[in-house]
Amino acid sequence: MSFELLATDGAARRGRLTTPHGTVETPTFMPVGTQASVKAMQMRDVAATGAEVVLGNTYHLMLRPGAERVARFGGLHAFSGWNKTILTDSGGFQVMSLASLRKIDDDGVTFASHVDGSKHRLTPESAVDIQLKLGSDIQMQLDECVALPASPEAVARSVTLSLAWAARARDAFTATAPAGRLQFGIVQGGTDAAERARSAAGLIDIGFDGYAVGGLAVGEPQAEMFATLDHTVPHLPADAPHYLMGVGTPADLIGAVARGIDMFDCVMPSRAGRHGTAYTAQGRLNLKNAKWADDLEPLDPTSDCPAARDYSKAYLHHLVRVGEPLAATLLTWANIDYYQRLMRTLRDAIAAGTFTAIAAELSATWPPTPAAEPA
């Protein structure tokens, strides 16, 4: 068994996932390394934050530099210098977002590259093959993710198609994947409780190593996202990891852990860092603001991360205002470190049976967000 459930506190879960490149303590947050790089960061510094998984993007990597080239280089681990676990998405979300550049049929999806307009095709089987060439430890099935809001008919069609693709993806994976590699199915269904239940039941019948909740974090209110988790997660197997794709703010993470989610990814900490925003134990700080110009206190006095501990808010404000690239590096580093500290705090609280109290304390710093920001 690749996943071990170590403790629970209410619906919150403390677990451990084993992959060919090590163990992953859950709940966990995965920094996004879209193009074999966590933007503005060196992989050694990403690892130093305590991150145990990074996410790579199949769509972008199949276009540039190409899955075959990455395979010749020894896979994403050797290519990028990351020797821990890598999860790759299927490319489906990016392809589905190219509304004017793609065509879906029962067999797969044909799309035009956003880079040069060249034509490409993804099927459940080819998505498996590409991810195997990339060498990821955990790969996702190809699915159809509908934009919300969507009609009940569109949501139902998406679930039916995604389940058909899931069965094909699983067959292709089990026939070709090396021992130890993992594949997750993706629960779709919009915000429709019955469709979410149908999707989860179909995926369980197929049988995957883990189960993701997809199709959220696309701008819906946080309360709607949490309500969808409330009627989806109870349908997922307790002995498998639960992954909420593309989420989110610290408040999102705390609320989703409380509902039984084990794994997260989001561009938010790195994107915010590149735009002058820091996530700290004191809350969200906009370093563009003039109020920090004379503040010589460290960015986050509670942090052991060099980026948050060793540089003043005044200096970081200066770097942001003058457009120095170092600002993006330091703030991204500090943000990823904060997200990792948050996950460690939640893991420890679940193990100690104090999750409810710790979550309430953290939520005072991170009040509910009005809408889930897109990934």
Protein backbone atom coordinates (compact mmCIF):
# COMPACT_ATOMS: atom_id res chain seq x y z
CA MET A 1 0.00 0.00 0.00
CA SER A 2 1.48 3.34 -1.05
CA PHE A 3 -0.61 5.41 1.41
CA GLU A 4 -0.75 4.97 5.17
CA LEU A 5 -3.27 6.81 7.32
CA LEU A 6 -1.47 7.66 10.56
CA ALA A 7 -4.03 9.72 12.50
CA THR A 8 -7.36 11.46 12.21
CA ASP A 9 -8.95 14.36 14.06
CA GLY A 10 -12.53 14.79 12.94
CA ALA A 11 -12.38 14.56 9.15
CA ALA A 12 -8.78 15.88 9.07
CA ARG A 13 -6.19 13.23 8.22
CA ARG A 14 -2.48 12.75 8.90
CA GLY A 15 -0.89 10.34 6.46
CA ARG A 16 2.20 9.21 4.59
CA LEU A 17 2.48 8.54 0.86
CA THR A 18 5.35 6.44 -0.49
CA THR A 19 6.66 6.97 -4.04
CA PRO A 20 9.79 5.85 -5.92
CA HIS A 21 11.48 9.09 -4.84
CA GLY A 22 10.70 9.01 -1.13
CA THR A 23 7.91 9.55 1.34
CA VAL A 24 5.49 12.44 1.43
CA GLU A 25 4.00 13.51 4.75
CA THR A 26 0.38 14.59 4.40
CA PRO A 27 -1.39 16.99 4.42
CA THR A 28 1.09 18.41 1.92
CA PHE A 29 1.37 21.43 -0.37
CA MET A 30 3.05 20.95 -3.75
CA PRO A 31 4.79 23.98 -5.29
CA VAL A 32 3.99 24.29 -8.98
CA GLY A 33 6.92 23.71 -11.33
CA THR A 34 4.99 24.20 -14.55
CA GLN A 35 7.91 24.00 -17.00
CA ALA A 36 10.33 21.92 -14.90
CA SER A 37 11.00 25.00 -12.79
CA VAL A 38 9.39 26.64 -9.77
CA LYS A 39 9.50 30.18 -11.11
CA ALA A 40 12.27 32.38 -9.63
CA MET A 41 13.56 29.51 -7.45
CA GLN A 42 16.42 27.02 -7.38
CA MET A 43 15.28 23.50 -6.63
CA ARG A 44 17.68 23.23 -3.69
CA ASP A 45 15.92 26.18 -2.03
CA VAL A 46 12.50 24.68 -2.76
CA ALA A 47 13.67 21.49 -1.03
CA ALA A 48 15.04 23.50 1.91
CA THR A 49 11.52 24.76 2.68
CA GLY A 50 10.49 21.18 3.40
CA ALA A 51 8.58 20.65 0.17
CA GLU A 52 8.48 16.95 -0.69
CA VAL A 53 6.61 17.10 -4.02
CA VAL A 54 6.60 19.50 -6.95
CA LEU A 55 4.10 19.53 -9.79
CA GLY A 56 5.02 19.49 -13.47
CA ASN A 57 2.68 20.39 -16.31
CA THR A 58 2.22 17.85 -19.09
CA TYR A 59 0.74 20.34 -21.57
CA HIS A 60 3.65 22.78 -21.36
CA LEU A 61 6.36 20.12 -21.22
CA MET A 62 4.99 18.16 -24.20
CA LEU A 63 5.24 21.36 -26.24
CA ARG A 64 8.61 22.50 -24.93
CA PRO A 65 11.09 20.82 -24.70
CA GLY A 66 9.05 17.70 -25.59
CA ALA A 67 8.49 14.50 -23.63
CA GLU A 68 10.90 12.49 -25.79
CA ARG A 69 13.70 14.96 -25.15
CA VAL A 70 13.04 14.94 -21.40
CA ALA A 71 13.12 11.12 -21.50
CA ARG A 72 16.52 11.20 -23.26
CA PHE A 73 17.78 13.47 -20.48
CA GLY A 74 16.77 10.91 -17.86
CA GLY A 75 13.33 12.27 -16.99
CA LEU A 76 12.20 15.34 -15.08
CA HIS A 77 14.14 14.47 -11.94
CA ALA A 78 17.51 14.46 -13.68
CA PHE A 79 16.56 17.30 -16.04
CA SER A 80 15.46 19.70 -13.30
CA GLY A 81 17.69 18.60 -10.44
CA TRP A 82 14.77 17.66 -8.18
CA ASN A 83 15.36 14.29 -6.51
CA LYS A 84 12.12 14.08 -4.55
CA THR A 85 8.61 13.19 -5.69
CA ILE A 86 7.13 14.73 -8.85
CA LEU A 87 3.44 14.77 -9.72
CA THR A 88 2.39 15.62 -13.27
CA ASP A 89 -1.08 16.70 -14.32
CA SER A 90 -2.49 15.26 -17.54
CA GLY A 91 -2.56 18.51 -19.49
CA GLY A 92 -6.34 18.32 -19.61
CA PHE A 93 -7.03 21.50 -17.65
CA GLN A 94 -4.79 23.61 -19.88
CA VAL A 95 -6.21 22.09 -23.05
CA MET A 96 -9.78 22.61 -21.88
CA SER A 97 -9.01 26.27 -21.18
CA LEU A 98 -8.07 26.75 -24.86
CA ALA A 99 -11.73 27.07 -25.81
CA SER A 100 -11.11 28.53 -29.27
CA LEU A 101 -8.13 26.27 -30.00
CA ARG A 102 -9.39 22.77 -29.27
CA LYS A 103 -11.96 20.18 -30.33
CA ILE A 104 -13.17 17.38 -28.06
CA ASP A 105 -14.46 14.02 -29.27
CA ASP A 106 -15.08 10.70 -27.55
CA ASP A 107 -11.53 9.54 -28.26
CA GLY A 108 -9.64 12.60 -27.00
CA VAL A 109 -8.95 16.25 -27.73
CA THR A 110 -7.21 17.98 -30.65
CA PHE A 111 -5.75 21.39 -29.93
CA ALA A 112 -3.54 24.11 -31.34
CA SER A 113 -0.44 25.07 -29.39
CA HIS A 114 -0.63 28.50 -27.77
CA VAL A 115 3.08 28.84 -28.64
CA ASP A 116 3.10 28.46 -32.41
CA GLY A 117 -0.33 27.21 -33.46
CA SER A 118 0.92 23.69 -34.28
CA LYS A 119 -1.66 20.89 -34.00
CA HIS A 120 -1.48 18.30 -31.25
CA ARG A 121 -3.70 15.56 -29.87
CA LEU A 122 -4.16 14.14 -26.39
CA THR A 123 -5.95 10.88 -25.66
CA PRO A 124 -6.17 9.06 -22.34
CA GLU A 125 -3.47 6.68 -23.57
CA SER A 126 -1.12 9.33 -24.96
CA ALA A 127 -1.39 11.36 -21.74
CA VAL A 128 -0.21 8.27 -19.85
CA ASP A 129 2.64 7.72 -22.30
CA ILE A 130 3.82 11.33 -22.11
CA GLN A 131 3.81 11.29 -18.30
CA LEU A 132 5.74 8.02 -18.27
CA LYS A 133 8.34 9.61 -20.53
CA LEU A 134 8.54 12.58 -18.16
CA GLY A 135 9.20 10.08 -15.38
CA SER A 136 6.81 11.45 -12.79
CA ASP A 137 6.10 9.45 -9.66
CA ILE A 138 2.40 10.34 -9.65
CA GLN A 139 0.41 10.98 -12.79
CA MET A 140 -3.15 12.13 -13.40
CA GLN A 141 -5.74 10.73 -15.79
CA LEU A 142 -6.89 12.83 -18.74
CA ASP A 143 -10.31 14.28 -17.91
CA GLU A 144 -12.69 16.94 -19.15
CA CYS A 145 -13.03 19.92 -16.83
CA VAL A 146 -16.03 22.12 -17.61
CA ALA A 147 -16.00 25.82 -16.81
CA LEU A 148 -18.37 26.88 -14.04
CA PRO A 149 -21.16 27.76 -14.04
CA ALA A 150 -22.27 25.02 -16.44
CA SER A 151 -25.63 23.50 -17.34
CA PRO A 152 -26.61 20.20 -15.68
CA GLU A 153 -26.41 18.55 -19.10
CA ALA A 154 -22.83 19.78 -19.67
CA VAL A 155 -21.76 18.61 -16.20
CA ALA A 156 -23.30 15.16 -16.74
CA ARG A 157 -21.63 14.79 -20.15
CA SER A 158 -18.29 15.78 -18.60
CA VAL A 159 -18.59 13.14 -15.88
CA THR A 160 -19.55 10.43 -18.38
CA LEU A 161 -16.69 11.29 -20.73
CA SER A 162 -14.15 11.62 -17.91
CA LEU A 163 -15.12 8.21 -16.54
CA ALA A 164 -14.71 6.60 -19.97
CA TRP A 165 -11.31 8.24 -20.31
CA ALA A 166 -10.40 7.16 -16.76
CA ALA A 167 -10.97 3.49 -17.60
CA ARG A 168 -8.80 3.78 -20.72
CA ALA A 169 -6.09 5.67 -18.81
CA ARG A 170 -6.01 3.04 -16.09
CA ASP A 171 -5.71 0.21 -18.61
CA ALA A 172 -2.83 2.00 -20.37
CA PHE A 173 -1.08 2.75 -17.09
CA THR A 174 -1.31 -0.73 -15.61
CA ALA A 175 -0.03 -2.23 -18.86
CA THR A 176 3.06 -0.01 -19.15
CA ALA A 177 4.01 1.77 -15.91
CA PRO A 178 7.09 0.67 -13.96
CA ALA A 179 6.52 -0.72 -10.47
CA GLY A 180 5.97 1.90 -7.81
CA ARG A 181 4.56 4.61 -10.05
CA LEU A 182 1.14 5.91 -9.02
CA GLN A 183 -1.90 7.11 -10.96
CA PHE A 184 -4.77 9.19 -9.60
CA GLY A 185 -8.31 9.48 -10.93
CA ILE A 186 -10.08 12.84 -10.98
CA VAL A 187 -13.59 13.36 -9.61
CA GLN A 188 -15.60 15.80 -11.71
CA GLY A 189 -19.20 16.93 -11.46
CA GLY A 190 -19.15 20.70 -10.96
CA THR A 191 -21.05 21.61 -7.80
CA ASP A 192 -23.70 18.93 -8.36
CA ALA A 193 -23.70 16.50 -5.42
CA ALA A 194 -25.25 13.63 -7.38
CA GLU A 195 -22.77 13.96 -10.25
CA ARG A 196 -19.83 14.15 -7.84
CA ALA A 197 -21.06 10.95 -6.19
CA ARG A 198 -21.49 9.26 -9.58
CA SER A 199 -18.00 10.29 -10.64
CA ALA A 200 -16.40 9.07 -7.40
CA ALA A 201 -18.22 5.72 -7.56
CA GLY A 202 -17.15 5.16 -11.16
CA LEU A 203 -13.51 5.92 -10.38
CA ILE A 204 -13.53 3.60 -7.37
CA ASP A 205 -14.92 0.81 -9.55
CA ILE A 206 -11.98 1.34 -11.94
CA GLY A 207 -9.52 1.48 -9.05
CA PHE A 208 -6.82 4.14 -8.71
CA ASP A 209 -3.91 4.75 -6.31
CA GLY A 210 -5.38 8.11 -5.26
CA TYR A 211 -8.37 10.34 -5.96
CA ALA A 212 -8.36 14.01 -6.87
CA VAL A 213 -11.18 16.52 -6.70
CA GLY A 214 -10.99 18.53 -9.91
CA GLY A 215 -13.03 21.31 -11.44
CA LEU A 216 -12.87 23.67 -8.45
CA ALA A 217 -10.73 26.77 -7.73
CA VAL A 218 -12.08 28.32 -10.91
CA GLY A 219 -13.56 31.45 -9.32
CA GLU A 220 -16.45 29.99 -7.33
CA PRO A 221 -17.01 31.38 -3.79
CA GLN A 222 -15.07 29.60 -1.09
CA ALA A 223 -18.28 28.51 0.62
CA GLU A 224 -19.38 26.80 -2.59
CA MET A 225 -16.04 25.01 -2.88
CA PHE A 226 -16.28 23.81 0.72
CA ALA A 227 -19.88 22.66 0.21
CA THR A 228 -18.75 20.63 -2.81
CA LEU A 229 -16.00 19.03 -0.72
CA ASP A 230 -18.54 18.27 2.03
CA HIS A 231 -20.59 16.13 -0.35
CA THR A 232 -17.64 14.69 -2.33
CA VAL A 233 -14.88 13.65 0.08
CA PRO A 234 -17.07 11.22 2.09
CA HIS A 235 -17.41 9.16 -1.11
CA LEU A 236 -13.62 8.74 -1.46
CA PRO A 237 -11.80 5.69 -0.07
CA ALA A 238 -10.31 6.31 3.36
CA ASP A 239 -7.21 4.26 2.53
CA ALA A 240 -6.20 6.41 -0.48
CA PRO A 241 -4.87 9.97 -0.70
CA HIS A 242 -7.32 12.79 -1.46
CA TYR A 243 -5.98 15.61 -3.67
CA LEU A 244 -7.72 18.97 -4.22
CA MET A 245 -6.36 20.35 -7.47
CA GLY A 246 -5.36 24.01 -7.88
CA VAL A 247 -6.03 25.22 -4.32
CA GLY A 248 -5.34 27.74 -2.84
CA THR A 249 -5.19 30.46 -0.17
CA PRO A 250 -4.13 29.58 3.37
CA ALA A 251 -7.80 29.82 4.37
CA ASP A 252 -8.69 27.39 1.57
CA LEU A 253 -6.05 24.92 2.75
CA ILE A 254 -7.14 25.01 6.38
CA GLY A 255 -10.80 24.50 5.46
CA ALA A 256 -10.05 21.72 2.99
CA VAL A 257 -7.82 19.83 5.44
CA ALA A 258 -10.71 20.01 7.90
CA ARG A 259 -12.80 18.25 5.24
CA GLY A 260 -10.36 15.37 4.64
CA ILE A 261 -8.07 16.64 1.86
CA ASP A 262 -4.46 15.44 1.93
CA MET A 263 -2.74 17.10 -1.04
CA PHE A 264 -2.79 20.55 -2.64
CA ASP A 265 -1.08 22.47 -5.41
CA CYS A 266 -1.42 26.09 -6.46
CA VAL A 267 0.60 28.78 -8.23
CA MET A 268 -0.55 31.31 -5.65
CA PRO A 269 2.57 31.52 -3.43
CA SER A 270 4.95 31.82 -6.38
CA ARG A 271 2.71 34.13 -8.42
CA ALA A 272 2.09 36.37 -5.42
CA GLY A 273 5.82 36.54 -4.73
CA ARG A 274 6.52 37.69 -8.28
CA HIS A 275 3.96 40.47 -7.80
CA GLY A 276 5.23 41.78 -4.48
CA THR A 277 2.95 39.93 -2.04
CA ALA A 278 4.14 37.91 0.95
CA TYR A 279 2.35 35.25 3.00
CA THR A 280 3.54 35.35 6.60
CA ALA A 281 2.51 34.28 10.08
CA GLN A 282 1.17 37.83 10.46
CA GLY A 283 -1.00 37.52 7.35
CA ARG A 284 -0.78 38.72 3.75
CA LEU A 285 1.54 41.68 3.16
CA ASN A 286 1.66 43.81 0.02
CA LEU A 287 5.29 44.93 -0.17
CA LYS A 288 4.41 47.51 -2.83
CA ASN A 289 2.80 49.66 -0.16
CA ALA A 290 4.74 52.73 0.98
CA LYS A 291 4.00 51.85 4.63
CA TRP A 292 6.92 49.38 4.53
CA ALA A 293 9.51 51.85 3.23
CA ASP A 294 11.02 52.51 6.68
CA ASP A 295 10.20 49.17 8.37
CA LEU A 296 13.47 47.48 9.29
CA GLU A 297 11.80 44.46 10.91
CA PRO A 298 12.28 41.10 9.16
CA LEU A 299 9.56 40.03 6.77
CA ASP A 300 8.52 37.25 9.18
CA PRO A 301 10.31 37.12 12.56
CA THR A 302 8.80 33.68 13.27
CA SER A 303 10.45 32.10 10.22
CA ASP A 304 13.76 30.24 9.85
CA CYS A 305 13.68 30.79 6.07
CA PRO A 306 16.60 33.06 5.08
CA ALA A 307 14.38 35.04 2.72
CA ALA A 308 11.87 35.88 5.47
CA ARG A 309 14.33 36.08 8.37
CA ASP A 310 17.34 37.94 6.99
CA TYR A 311 15.78 40.78 4.97
CA SER A 312 13.79 43.73 6.22
CA LYS A 313 10.42 44.77 4.87
CA ALA A 314 12.03 48.07 3.87
CA TYR A 315 14.62 46.30 1.73
CA LEU A 316 12.06 44.01 0.14
CA HIS A 317 9.80 47.00 -0.51
CA HIS A 318 12.71 48.71 -2.24
CA LEU A 319 13.42 45.66 -4.43
CA VAL A 320 9.77 45.42 -5.44
CA ARG A 321 9.47 49.12 -6.22
CA VAL A 322 12.57 49.22 -8.43
CA GLY A 323 11.74 45.94 -10.18
CA GLU A 324 14.76 43.95 -9.04
CA PRO A 325 14.46 40.23 -9.97
CA LEU A 326 15.76 39.40 -6.49
CA ALA A 327 12.40 40.55 -5.09
CA ALA A 328 10.60 37.73 -6.92
CA THR A 329 13.11 35.16 -5.69
CA LEU A 330 13.03 36.22 -2.05
CA LEU A 331 9.26 36.63 -1.80
CA THR A 332 8.54 33.37 -3.64
CA TRP A 333 10.99 31.58 -1.35
CA ALA A 334 9.38 33.09 1.75
CA ASN A 335 5.88 32.26 0.52
CA ILE A 336 6.62 28.62 -0.29
CA ASP A 337 8.32 28.30 3.07
CA TYR A 338 5.23 29.72 4.81
CA TYR A 339 2.95 27.25 3.04
CA GLN A 340 5.21 24.39 4.12
CA ARG A 341 5.20 25.64 7.73
CA LEU A 342 1.41 25.84 7.61
CA MET A 343 1.22 22.22 6.45
CA ARG A 344 3.61 21.08 9.19
CA THR A 345 1.51 22.89 11.78
CA LEU A 346 -1.66 21.18 10.54
CA ARG A 347 0.03 17.76 10.44
CA ASP A 348 1.27 18.16 14.01
CA ALA A 349 -2.14 19.34 15.19
CA ILE A 350 -3.91 16.33 13.68
CA ALA A 351 -1.40 13.96 15.25
CA ALA A 352 -1.84 15.65 18.64
CA GLY A 353 -5.64 15.77 18.44
CA THR A 354 -5.66 19.57 18.60
CA PHE A 355 -6.65 20.33 15.01
CA THR A 356 -9.90 22.15 15.77
CA ALA A 357 -8.22 24.60 18.14
CA ILE A 358 -5.19 25.18 15.91
CA ALA A 359 -7.34 25.61 12.82
CA ALA A 360 -9.45 28.21 14.62
CA GLU A 361 -6.32 30.07 15.73
CA LEU A 362 -4.90 30.07 12.20
CA SER A 363 -8.22 31.11 10.72
CA ALA A 364 -8.10 34.30 12.75
CA THR A 365 -5.07 35.28 10.63
CA TRP A 366 -6.62 33.99 7.41
CA PRO A 367 -10.33 34.87 7.27
CA PRO A 368 -12.56 33.25 4.64
CA THR A 369 -11.88 34.36 1.09
CA PRO A 370 -14.84 35.58 -1.01
CA ALA A 371 -13.80 33.49 -4.01
CA ALA A 372 -11.23 30.82 -4.81
CA GLU A 373 -8.56 32.42 -6.97
CA PRO A 374 -7.89 30.56 -10.24
CA ALA A 375 -4.79 28.34 -10.33
